[in-house]
C-alpha atoms as a PDB file:
ATOM      1  CA  MET A   1     -12.308  -2.137  48.986  1.00  0.00           C
ATOM      2  CA  LYS A   2     -11.489   0.281  51.304  1.00  0.00           C
ATOM      3  CA  LYS A   3      -9.162   2.414  48.247  1.00  0.00           C
ATOM      4  CA  LEU A   4     -12.310   2.586  46.625  1.00  0.00           C
ATOM      5  CA  THR A   5     -14.781   4.244  49.274  1.00  0.00           C
ATOM      6  CA  VAL A   6     -11.821   6.677  49.574  1.00  0.00           C
ATOM      7  CA  ILE A   7     -11.410   7.236  45.694  1.00  0.00           C
ATOM      8  CA  LEU A   8     -15.196   7.532  45.780  1.00  0.00           C
ATOM      9  CA  THR A   9     -15.827   9.483  48.660  1.00  0.00           C
ATOM     10  CA  SER A  10     -12.784  11.963  47.585  1.00  0.00           C
ATOM     11  CA  ILE A  11     -14.556  12.517  43.839  1.00  0.00           C
ATOM     12  CA  ILE A  12     -18.154  13.217  45.352  1.00  0.00           C
ATOM     13  CA  PHE A  13     -16.110  15.657  48.026  1.00  0.00           C
ATOM     14  CA  SER A  14     -14.462  16.864  45.283  1.00  0.00           C
ATOM     15  CA  ALA A  15     -17.283  17.774  42.921  1.00  0.00           C
ATOM     16  CA  LEU A  16     -19.840  18.805  45.825  1.00  0.00           C
ATOM     17  CA  VAL A  17     -16.931  21.610  46.813  1.00  0.00           C
ATOM     18  CA  THR A  18     -16.044  23.125  43.148  1.00  0.00           C
ATOM     19  CA  GLY A  19     -19.527  22.430  41.654  1.00  0.00           C
ATOM     20  CA  GLY A  20     -21.146  24.772  44.335  1.00  0.00           C
ATOM     21  CA  ALA A  21     -23.215  28.370  43.426  1.00  0.00           C
ATOM     22  CA  SER A  22     -21.614  31.671  45.020  1.00  0.00           C
ATOM     23  CA  ALA A  23     -23.618  34.701  45.559  1.00  0.00           C
ATOM     24  CA  ASP A  24     -22.935  37.432  42.977  1.00  0.00           C
ATOM     25  CA  TYR A  25     -22.641  40.402  46.084  1.00  0.00           C
ATOM     26  CA  SER A  26     -22.000  43.069  43.265  1.00  0.00           C
ATOM     27  CA  ILE A  27     -25.315  42.919  41.799  1.00  0.00           C
ATOM     28  CA  SER A  28     -28.237  45.018  44.020  1.00  0.00           C
ATOM     29  CA  PRO A  29     -31.349  43.066  44.519  1.00  0.00           C
ATOM     30  CA  VAL A  30     -34.778  44.480  43.271  1.00  0.00           C
ATOM     31  CA  GLN A  31     -36.402  47.106  45.205  1.00  0.00           C
ATOM     32  CA  GLN A  32     -39.964  46.706  45.623  1.00  0.00           C
ATOM     33  CA  ASN A  33     -42.062  49.869  44.489  1.00  0.00           C
ATOM     34  CA  ASP A  34     -44.865  50.213  46.709  1.00  0.00           C
ATOM     35  CA  GLU A  35     -47.357  52.098  43.522  1.00  0.00           C
ATOM     36  CA  TRP A  36     -47.711  48.779  42.463  1.00  0.00           C
ATOM     37  CA  ALA A  37     -47.987  46.944  45.478  1.00  0.00           C
ATOM     38  CA  PRO A  38     -52.209  46.900  45.231  1.00  0.00           C
ATOM     39  CA  TYR A  39     -51.960  45.719  41.543  1.00  0.00           C
ATOM     40  CA  ILE A  40     -50.154  42.139  42.527  1.00  0.00           C
ATOM     41  CA  SER A  41     -51.828  40.975  45.940  1.00  0.00           C
ATOM     42  CA  VAL A  42     -53.493  38.467  45.615  1.00  0.00           C
ATOM     43  CA  ALA A  43     -56.699  38.039  47.657  1.00  0.00           C
ATOM     44  CA  GLU A  44     -57.849  35.033  49.413  1.00  0.00           C
ATOM     45  CA  PRO A  45     -61.463  34.491  50.230  1.00  0.00           C
ATOM     46  CA  ASN A  46     -62.947  34.732  53.986  1.00  0.00           C
ATOM     47  CA  PRO A  47     -62.646  32.160  56.084  1.00  0.00           C
ATOM     48  CA  ILE A  48     -65.574  29.347  56.193  1.00  0.00           C
ATOM     49  CA  GLU A  49     -66.831  28.219  59.197  1.00  0.00           C
ATOM     50  CA  LEU A  50     -67.992  24.146  59.070  1.00  0.00           C
ATOM     51  CA  SER A  51     -71.235  23.267  61.082  1.00  0.00           C
ATOM     52  CA  ALA A  52     -70.600  19.678  60.730  1.00  0.00           C
ATOM     53  CA  ILE A  53     -68.607  16.918  60.367  1.00  0.00           C
ATOM     54  CA  THR A  54     -66.771  17.206  56.438  1.00  0.00           C
ATOM     55  CA  VAL A  55     -65.377  15.295  54.533  1.00  0.00           C
ATOM     56  CA  PHE A  56     -62.057  16.629  53.127  1.00  0.00           C
ATOM     57  CA  TYR A  57     -60.847  15.162  49.176  1.00  0.00           C
ATOM     58  CA  ALA A  58     -56.584  15.194  48.032  1.00  0.00           C
ATOM     59  CA  ALA A  59     -58.826  15.881  44.623  1.00  0.00           C
ATOM     60  CA  PRO A  60     -62.218  17.065  44.187  1.00  0.00           C
ATOM     61  CA  GLY A  61     -64.255  13.884  44.176  1.00  0.00           C
ATOM     62  CA  GLY A  62     -61.183  11.760  44.656  1.00  0.00           C
ATOM     63  CA  LYS A  63     -59.858   9.506  47.867  1.00  0.00           C
ATOM     64  CA  SER A  64     -61.147  10.646  51.026  1.00  0.00           C
ATOM     65  CA  LEU A  65     -58.427  11.909  53.124  1.00  0.00           C
ATOM     66  CA  GLY A  66     -60.717  12.378  56.280  1.00  0.00           C
ATOM     67  CA  SER A  67     -63.002  14.169  58.193  1.00  0.00           C
ATOM     68  CA  LEU A  68     -62.759  18.086  59.704  1.00  0.00           C
ATOM     69  CA  GLU A  69     -64.890  18.739  63.234  1.00  0.00           C
ATOM     70  CA  PRO A  70     -66.782  21.147  62.938  1.00  0.00           C
ATOM     71  CA  GLN A  71     -64.909  24.664  62.873  1.00  0.00           C
ATOM     72  CA  VAL A  72     -63.045  27.530  60.997  1.00  0.00           C
ATOM     73  CA  VAL A  73     -61.409  26.723  57.954  1.00  0.00           C
ATOM     74  CA  ARG A  74     -59.663  29.043  55.307  1.00  0.00           C
ATOM     75  CA  PRO A  75     -59.504  29.017  51.307  1.00  0.00           C
ATOM     76  CA  THR A  76     -56.807  28.948  48.817  1.00  0.00           C
ATOM     77  CA  GLY A  77     -58.729  30.646  46.692  1.00  0.00           C
ATOM     78  CA  ASN A  78     -59.412  27.644  44.448  1.00  0.00           C
ATOM     79  CA  ILE A  79     -63.102  26.332  43.488  1.00  0.00           C
ATOM     80  CA  LEU A  80     -64.133  23.912  40.846  1.00  0.00           C
ATOM     81  CA  GLY A  81     -67.424  23.351  40.523  1.00  0.00           C
ATOM     82  CA  ASP A  82     -68.889  22.782  43.974  1.00  0.00           C
ATOM     83  CA  TRP A  83     -65.910  21.908  45.597  1.00  0.00           C
ATOM     84  CA  LEU A  84     -63.105  24.443  47.434  1.00  0.00           C
ATOM     85  CA  GLN A  85     -59.600  24.012  48.365  1.00  0.00           C
ATOM     86  CA  ILE A  86     -58.450  24.899  51.920  1.00  0.00           C
ATOM     87  CA  TYR A  87     -55.755  25.038  53.909  1.00  0.00           C
ATOM     88  CA  THR A  88     -55.376  21.764  56.406  1.00  0.00           C
ATOM     89  CA  TRP A  89     -53.053  19.977  59.034  1.00  0.00           C
ATOM     90  CA  PHE A  90     -52.820  17.446  56.232  1.00  0.00           C
ATOM     91  CA  GLY A  91     -51.688  20.436  53.840  1.00  0.00           C
ATOM     92  CA  GLU A  92     -54.354  21.897  50.775  1.00  0.00           C
ATOM     93  CA  ALA A  93     -57.290  19.317  50.543  1.00  0.00           C
ATOM     94  CA  TRP A  94     -61.056  19.606  49.095  1.00  0.00           C
ATOM     95  CA  ILE A  95     -64.339  19.944  50.092  1.00  0.00           C
ATOM     96  CA  ASN A  96     -67.256  20.097  48.640  1.00  0.00           C
ATOM     97  CA  ILE A  97     -70.049  22.657  49.558  1.00  0.00           C
ATOM     98  CA  PRO A  98     -72.866  22.808  46.845  1.00  0.00           C
ATOM     99  CA  GLY A  99     -73.405  27.178  46.238  1.00  0.00           C
ATOM    100  CA  TYR A 100     -70.539  28.806  47.783  1.00  0.00           C
ATOM    101  CA  VAL A 101     -69.727  32.153  46.926  1.00  0.00           C
ATOM    102  CA  PRO A 102     -66.673  33.168  47.873  1.00  0.00           C
ATOM    103  CA  SER A 103     -66.383  36.331  49.939  1.00  0.00           C
ATOM    104  CA  TYR A 104     -63.448  38.701  50.187  1.00  0.00           C
END
């Protein structure tokens, strides 16, 4: 059993060492052209102030993950009908805000 463990360990170690990727330092990184920067940036809507306890969901109309106390939240920019995706301590989640119109 010890021999088998030693053989397997050495095979795995050899595969890891020989299969590792190495960086090619002869290639220079692409330099950012500041002239194009305004065209590739993505704007997120302004933060939203929740004035009441709000339930947040894993997906629009999906499983409830919990509720948020009144606070300011940041939208991700994803909107589906009356559903708005926001950033939470739990990760990205959805809240229902009827009639929401994003402002930037």
